[in-house]
């Protein structure tokens, strides 16, 4: 379920110190982006932040909740997004600390992805 417009606006306000925050529907959920990099996901008006090996310890509190997941061929697949503790919405400075850690993880993940393929110039045909 995608984020409601009210929740989306609330998140844009809360995360504004990070930079240009946008939300976009993806696979029945809502991706949370900062300057084009996805740092979080919203489902059922619940925010999940990107987790990797470098920020996992800082997000230890979030382990109390199941990670974002989906079912595939009868199995539950956990994603690298952990639920943001509700208390952080009452502590905006700490929420931004978590958001910056999630954004850093998102940048690390993006850096590991192969670059998009560029068109091969030798395949382009010239007209006579």
N, C-alpha and C. Protein backbone atom coordinates (compact mmCIF):
# COMPACT_ATOMS: atom_id res chain seq x y z
N UNK A 1 0.84 -1.18 0.00
CA UNK A 1 0.00 0.00 0.00
C UNK A 1 0.89 1.25 0.00
N UNK A 2 0.58 2.18 -0.87
CA UNK A 2 1.38 3.40 -0.98
C UNK A 2 1.07 4.34 0.19
N UNK A 3 1.96 5.30 0.39
CA UNK A 3 1.77 6.29 1.46
C UNK A 3 0.60 7.21 1.13
N UNK A 4 -0.17 7.56 2.14
CA UNK A 4 -1.23 8.53 1.94
C UNK A 4 -0.59 9.88 1.65
N UNK A 5 -1.33 10.77 1.01
CA UNK A 5 -0.78 12.10 0.69
C UNK A 5 -0.43 12.85 1.97
N UNK A 6 -1.22 12.68 3.02
CA UNK A 6 -0.94 13.34 4.30
C UNK A 6 0.37 12.83 4.89
N UNK A 7 0.57 11.51 4.87
CA UNK A 7 1.80 10.94 5.42
C UNK A 7 3.00 11.34 4.56
N UNK A 8 2.82 11.34 3.24
CA UNK A 8 3.90 11.73 2.34
C UNK A 8 4.34 13.17 2.62
N UNK A 9 3.39 14.06 2.81
CA UNK A 9 3.72 15.46 3.11
C UNK A 9 4.43 15.56 4.46
N UNK A 10 3.96 14.81 5.46
CA UNK A 10 4.60 14.78 6.77
C UNK A 10 6.06 14.34 6.63
N UNK A 11 6.32 13.29 5.85
CA UNK A 11 7.70 12.82 5.67
C UNK A 11 8.56 13.85 4.96
N UNK A 12 8.02 14.49 3.92
CA UNK A 12 8.79 15.53 3.22
C UNK A 12 9.21 16.63 4.19
N UNK A 13 8.32 17.02 5.09
CA UNK A 13 8.64 18.05 6.08
C UNK A 13 9.70 17.55 7.07
N UNK A 14 9.52 16.34 7.59
CA UNK A 14 10.43 15.79 8.59
C UNK A 14 11.84 15.58 8.03
N UNK A 15 11.91 15.18 6.76
CA UNK A 15 13.20 14.84 6.15
C UNK A 15 13.81 15.98 5.35
N UNK A 16 13.17 17.13 5.34
CA UNK A 16 13.66 18.28 4.56
C UNK A 16 15.11 18.65 4.84
N UNK A 17 15.62 18.53 6.08
CA UNK A 17 17.03 18.88 6.31
C UNK A 17 18.02 18.05 5.49
N UNK A 18 17.59 16.92 4.94
CA UNK A 18 18.48 16.07 4.14
C UNK A 18 18.78 16.67 2.76
N UNK A 19 17.81 17.35 2.20
CA UNK A 19 17.92 17.84 0.82
C UNK A 19 16.56 17.73 0.16
N UNK A 20 16.56 17.55 -1.16
CA UNK A 20 15.29 17.47 -1.91
C UNK A 20 14.70 16.07 -1.75
N UNK A 21 13.66 15.95 -0.93
CA UNK A 21 13.03 14.66 -0.66
C UNK A 21 11.80 14.52 -1.55
N UNK A 22 11.75 13.39 -2.26
CA UNK A 22 10.60 13.08 -3.11
C UNK A 22 10.12 11.68 -2.78
N UNK A 23 8.85 11.43 -3.05
CA UNK A 23 8.28 10.10 -2.85
C UNK A 23 7.66 9.66 -4.17
N UNK A 24 7.82 8.37 -4.48
CA UNK A 24 7.33 7.84 -5.75
C UNK A 24 6.80 6.43 -5.54
N UNK A 25 5.63 6.15 -6.09
CA UNK A 25 5.04 4.83 -6.01
C UNK A 25 5.89 3.80 -6.74
N UNK A 26 6.08 2.64 -6.08
CA UNK A 26 6.89 1.55 -6.64
C UNK A 26 6.36 0.22 -6.12
N UNK A 27 5.95 -0.65 -7.01
CA UNK A 27 5.57 -2.01 -6.64
C UNK A 27 4.55 -2.05 -5.50
N UNK A 28 3.59 -1.15 -5.51
CA UNK A 28 2.56 -1.12 -4.49
C UNK A 28 3.00 -0.48 -3.18
N UNK A 29 4.20 0.07 -3.15
CA UNK A 29 4.72 0.77 -1.98
C UNK A 29 5.17 2.16 -2.45
N UNK A 30 5.77 2.93 -1.55
CA UNK A 30 6.25 4.26 -1.91
C UNK A 30 7.74 4.35 -1.59
N UNK A 31 8.55 4.66 -2.60
CA UNK A 31 9.97 4.87 -2.38
C UNK A 31 10.21 6.28 -1.89
N UNK A 32 11.14 6.43 -0.93
CA UNK A 32 11.51 7.74 -0.38
C UNK A 32 12.91 8.05 -0.91
N UNK A 33 13.03 9.14 -1.64
CA UNK A 33 14.28 9.51 -2.31
C UNK A 33 14.78 10.85 -1.80
N UNK A 34 16.09 10.97 -1.72
CA UNK A 34 16.73 12.26 -1.45
C UNK A 34 17.71 12.51 -2.58
N UNK A 35 17.49 13.57 -3.32
CA UNK A 35 18.34 13.91 -4.45
C UNK A 35 18.53 12.71 -5.38
N UNK A 36 17.45 11.95 -5.60
CA UNK A 36 17.45 10.84 -6.55
C UNK A 36 17.91 9.50 -6.02
N UNK A 37 18.30 9.41 -4.75
CA UNK A 37 18.79 8.16 -4.17
C UNK A 37 17.74 7.66 -3.16
N UNK A 38 17.35 6.37 -3.28
CA UNK A 38 16.30 5.83 -2.42
C UNK A 38 16.84 5.41 -1.06
N UNK A 39 16.43 6.14 -0.03
CA UNK A 39 16.88 5.85 1.33
C UNK A 39 15.83 5.14 2.15
N UNK A 40 14.61 5.08 1.66
CA UNK A 40 13.55 4.45 2.44
C UNK A 40 12.39 4.00 1.59
N UNK A 41 11.50 3.28 2.27
CA UNK A 41 10.27 2.78 1.65
C UNK A 41 9.14 2.97 2.65
N UNK A 42 7.97 3.33 2.14
CA UNK A 42 6.78 3.43 2.98
C UNK A 42 5.77 2.40 2.52
N UNK A 43 5.23 1.68 3.46
CA UNK A 43 4.11 0.79 3.19
C UNK A 43 3.15 0.92 4.36
N UNK A 44 1.87 1.04 4.05
CA UNK A 44 0.84 1.22 5.08
C UNK A 44 1.19 2.34 6.05
N UNK A 45 1.68 3.45 5.50
CA UNK A 45 2.07 4.63 6.28
C UNK A 45 3.07 4.30 7.39
N UNK A 46 3.97 3.38 7.10
CA UNK A 46 5.06 3.02 7.99
C UNK A 46 6.35 3.19 7.22
N UNK A 47 7.31 3.92 7.81
CA UNK A 47 8.58 4.22 7.16
C UNK A 47 9.64 3.18 7.51
N UNK A 48 10.35 2.74 6.49
CA UNK A 48 11.48 1.82 6.64
C UNK A 48 12.70 2.49 6.03
N UNK A 49 13.84 2.44 6.73
CA UNK A 49 15.09 3.01 6.21
C UNK A 49 16.02 1.92 5.69
N UNK A 50 16.83 2.29 4.70
CA UNK A 50 17.84 1.41 4.09
C UNK A 50 18.88 1.03 5.14
N UNK A 51 19.22 -0.26 5.20
CA UNK A 51 20.21 -0.76 6.15
C UNK A 51 21.28 -1.53 5.38
N UNK A 52 22.52 -1.37 5.81
CA UNK A 52 23.62 -2.18 5.27
C UNK A 52 24.56 -2.53 6.42
N UNK A 53 25.66 -3.18 6.12
CA UNK A 53 26.59 -3.61 7.16
C UNK A 53 27.16 -2.45 7.96
N UNK A 54 27.28 -1.28 7.34
CA UNK A 54 27.91 -0.14 8.03
C UNK A 54 26.97 0.61 8.98
N UNK A 55 25.66 0.54 8.76
CA UNK A 55 24.76 1.25 9.68
C UNK A 55 23.90 0.30 10.51
N UNK A 56 24.07 -0.98 10.32
CA UNK A 56 23.26 -1.98 11.03
C UNK A 56 23.34 -1.80 12.55
N UNK A 57 24.54 -1.56 13.07
CA UNK A 57 24.71 -1.40 14.52
C UNK A 57 23.97 -0.16 15.03
N UNK A 58 24.04 0.93 14.28
CA UNK A 58 23.35 2.17 14.68
C UNK A 58 21.83 1.98 14.69
N UNK A 59 21.34 1.06 13.86
CA UNK A 59 19.90 0.81 13.75
C UNK A 59 19.44 -0.36 14.60
N UNK A 60 20.29 -0.80 15.53
CA UNK A 60 19.99 -1.99 16.33
C UNK A 60 18.58 -1.95 16.94
N UNK A 61 18.14 -0.78 17.39
CA UNK A 61 16.81 -0.63 17.98
C UNK A 61 15.70 -1.09 17.02
N UNK A 62 15.92 -0.91 15.74
CA UNK A 62 14.90 -1.27 14.74
C UNK A 62 14.78 -2.78 14.55
N UNK A 63 15.72 -3.55 15.05
CA UNK A 63 15.65 -5.00 14.92
C UNK A 63 14.48 -5.59 15.69
N UNK A 64 13.88 -4.83 16.58
CA UNK A 64 12.72 -5.31 17.33
C UNK A 64 11.52 -5.56 16.42
N UNK A 65 11.54 -4.99 15.23
CA UNK A 65 10.44 -5.14 14.27
C UNK A 65 10.94 -5.94 13.07
N UNK A 66 10.03 -6.66 12.42
CA UNK A 66 10.47 -7.37 11.21
C UNK A 66 10.89 -6.38 10.12
N UNK A 67 11.89 -6.73 9.31
CA UNK A 67 12.26 -5.86 8.19
C UNK A 67 11.15 -5.87 7.14
N UNK A 68 11.23 -4.93 6.23
CA UNK A 68 10.31 -4.92 5.10
C UNK A 68 10.52 -6.22 4.34
N UNK A 69 9.44 -6.89 3.96
CA UNK A 69 9.57 -8.17 3.28
C UNK A 69 8.42 -8.38 2.31
N UNK A 70 8.53 -9.45 1.53
CA UNK A 70 7.46 -9.83 0.63
C UNK A 70 7.51 -11.35 0.46
N UNK A 71 6.39 -11.89 0.00
CA UNK A 71 6.30 -13.33 -0.22
C UNK A 71 6.60 -13.64 -1.68
N UNK A 72 7.40 -14.69 -1.89
CA UNK A 72 7.73 -15.14 -3.24
C UNK A 72 7.82 -16.65 -3.23
N UNK A 73 6.96 -17.29 -4.02
CA UNK A 73 6.93 -18.75 -4.12
C UNK A 73 6.83 -19.41 -2.75
N UNK A 74 5.97 -18.84 -1.90
CA UNK A 74 5.73 -19.42 -0.59
C UNK A 74 6.78 -19.10 0.46
N UNK A 75 7.77 -18.31 0.12
CA UNK A 75 8.82 -17.94 1.07
C UNK A 75 8.76 -16.44 1.35
N UNK A 76 9.17 -16.06 2.55
CA UNK A 76 9.25 -14.64 2.91
C UNK A 76 10.67 -14.15 2.61
N UNK A 77 10.76 -13.11 1.81
CA UNK A 77 12.04 -12.51 1.44
C UNK A 77 12.19 -11.20 2.21
N UNK A 78 13.21 -11.13 3.07
CA UNK A 78 13.49 -9.90 3.82
C UNK A 78 14.30 -8.95 2.96
N UNK A 79 13.93 -7.68 3.01
CA UNK A 79 14.66 -6.64 2.28
C UNK A 79 15.55 -5.87 3.25
N UNK A 80 16.47 -5.09 2.73
CA UNK A 80 17.42 -4.33 3.55
C UNK A 80 16.83 -2.99 3.96
N UNK A 81 15.59 -3.03 4.45
CA UNK A 81 14.91 -1.84 4.94
C UNK A 81 14.29 -2.20 6.29
N UNK A 82 14.66 -1.43 7.33
CA UNK A 82 14.16 -1.68 8.67
C UNK A 82 13.21 -0.58 9.10
N UNK A 83 12.20 -0.99 9.85
CA UNK A 83 11.17 -0.08 10.32
C UNK A 83 11.75 0.97 11.26
N UNK A 84 11.39 2.21 11.00
CA UNK A 84 11.83 3.33 11.83
C UNK A 84 10.99 3.34 13.11
N UNK A 85 11.63 3.32 14.28
CA UNK A 85 10.87 3.36 15.54
C UNK A 85 10.00 4.62 15.61
N UNK A 86 8.76 4.46 16.03
CA UNK A 86 7.80 5.56 16.09
C UNK A 86 8.31 6.72 16.95
N UNK A 87 9.08 6.42 17.99
CA UNK A 87 9.54 7.48 18.91
C UNK A 87 10.37 8.53 18.18
N UNK A 88 10.99 8.15 17.05
CA UNK A 88 11.84 9.11 16.33
C UNK A 88 11.05 10.27 15.74
N UNK A 89 9.75 10.06 15.51
CA UNK A 89 8.95 11.16 14.96
C UNK A 89 8.70 12.25 16.01
N UNK A 90 8.96 11.92 17.28
CA UNK A 90 8.90 12.92 18.35
C UNK A 90 10.27 13.49 18.65
N UNK A 91 11.31 12.98 17.97
CA UNK A 91 12.69 13.42 18.18
C UNK A 91 13.30 13.72 16.80
N UNK A 92 12.91 14.85 16.20
CA UNK A 92 13.31 15.15 14.82
C UNK A 92 14.81 15.16 14.57
N UNK A 93 15.60 15.61 15.54
CA UNK A 93 17.06 15.61 15.33
C UNK A 93 17.59 14.20 15.20
N UNK A 94 17.11 13.29 16.04
CA UNK A 94 17.55 11.91 15.96
C UNK A 94 17.02 11.23 14.69
N UNK A 95 15.80 11.58 14.29
CA UNK A 95 15.26 11.05 13.03
C UNK A 95 16.19 11.40 11.88
N UNK A 96 16.69 12.63 11.86
CA UNK A 96 17.59 13.05 10.78
C UNK A 96 18.92 12.31 10.86
N UNK A 97 19.41 12.02 12.06
CA UNK A 97 20.63 11.21 12.20
C UNK A 97 20.42 9.84 11.55
N UNK A 98 19.28 9.21 11.84
CA UNK A 98 18.97 7.92 11.24
C UNK A 98 18.82 8.06 9.72
N UNK A 99 18.14 9.11 9.29
CA UNK A 99 17.92 9.32 7.85
C UNK A 99 19.25 9.51 7.12
N UNK A 100 20.17 10.24 7.73
CA UNK A 100 21.48 10.43 7.09
C UNK A 100 22.24 9.10 6.99
N UNK A 101 22.11 8.26 8.02
CA UNK A 101 22.75 6.94 7.98
C UNK A 101 22.12 6.08 6.89
N UNK A 102 20.81 6.17 6.73
CA UNK A 102 20.11 5.42 5.67
C UNK A 102 20.51 5.94 4.30
N UNK A 103 20.64 7.26 4.17
CA UNK A 103 21.05 7.86 2.91
C UNK A 103 22.47 7.44 2.55
N UNK A 104 23.36 7.41 3.53
CA UNK A 104 24.74 6.96 3.28
C UNK A 104 24.74 5.51 2.81
N UNK A 105 23.91 4.67 3.43
CA UNK A 105 23.80 3.27 3.00
C UNK A 105 23.26 3.19 1.57
N UNK A 106 22.29 4.03 1.25
CA UNK A 106 21.72 4.05 -0.10
C UNK A 106 22.78 4.44 -1.13
N UNK A 107 23.62 5.40 -0.78
CA UNK A 107 24.71 5.80 -1.68
C UNK A 107 25.71 4.65 -1.88
N UNK A 108 26.00 3.92 -0.79
CA UNK A 108 26.93 2.78 -0.91
C UNK A 108 26.34 1.70 -1.81
N UNK A 109 25.05 1.43 -1.66
CA UNK A 109 24.39 0.43 -2.50
C UNK A 109 24.41 0.88 -3.95
N UNK A 110 24.09 2.14 -4.18
CA UNK A 110 24.06 2.67 -5.56
C UNK A 110 25.45 2.60 -6.19
N UNK A 111 26.49 2.84 -5.41
CA UNK A 111 27.86 2.81 -5.94
C UNK A 111 28.28 1.40 -6.36
N UNK A 112 27.68 0.39 -5.78
CA UNK A 112 28.02 -0.99 -6.11
C UNK A 112 27.32 -1.49 -7.38
N UNK A 113 26.27 -0.79 -7.79
CA UNK A 113 25.52 -1.22 -8.98
C UNK A 113 26.33 -0.91 -10.23
N UNK A 114 26.25 -1.80 -11.22
CA UNK A 114 26.95 -1.50 -12.47
C UNK A 114 26.33 -0.28 -13.15
N UNK A 115 27.18 0.47 -13.82
CA UNK A 115 26.70 1.65 -14.55
C UNK A 115 25.80 1.20 -15.69
N UNK A 116 24.78 2.01 -16.02
CA UNK A 116 23.92 1.66 -17.16
C UNK A 116 24.74 1.55 -18.43
N UNK A 117 24.36 0.61 -19.27
CA UNK A 117 25.09 0.42 -20.53
C UNK A 117 24.81 1.58 -21.46
N UNK A 118 25.88 2.01 -22.13
CA UNK A 118 25.75 3.09 -23.11
C UNK A 118 25.59 2.44 -24.48
N UNK A 119 24.88 3.11 -25.37
CA UNK A 119 24.73 2.55 -26.72
C UNK A 119 26.10 2.35 -27.36
N UNK A 120 26.24 1.26 -28.04
CA UNK A 120 27.49 0.92 -28.70
C UNK A 120 27.58 1.67 -30.03
N UNK A 121 28.56 2.54 -30.16
CA UNK A 121 28.70 3.38 -31.36
C UNK A 121 28.93 2.52 -32.61
N UNK A 122 29.56 1.36 -32.47
CA UNK A 122 29.85 0.54 -33.64
C UNK A 122 28.59 -0.10 -34.18
N UNK A 123 27.51 -0.10 -33.42
CA UNK A 123 26.25 -0.70 -33.89
C UNK A 123 25.40 0.31 -34.64
N UNK A 124 25.74 1.57 -34.53
CA UNK A 124 24.94 2.58 -35.22
C UNK A 124 25.30 2.54 -36.70
N UNK A 125 24.27 2.53 -37.52
CA UNK A 125 24.46 2.47 -38.97
C UNK A 125 24.44 3.86 -39.57
N UNK A 126 25.33 4.10 -40.51
CA UNK A 126 25.36 5.39 -41.20
C UNK A 126 24.56 5.29 -42.48
N UNK A 127 23.87 6.35 -42.80
CA UNK A 127 23.14 6.40 -44.06
C UNK A 127 24.06 6.88 -45.16
N UNK A 128 23.93 6.27 -46.30
CA UNK A 128 24.76 6.65 -47.45
C UNK A 128 24.24 7.85 -48.14
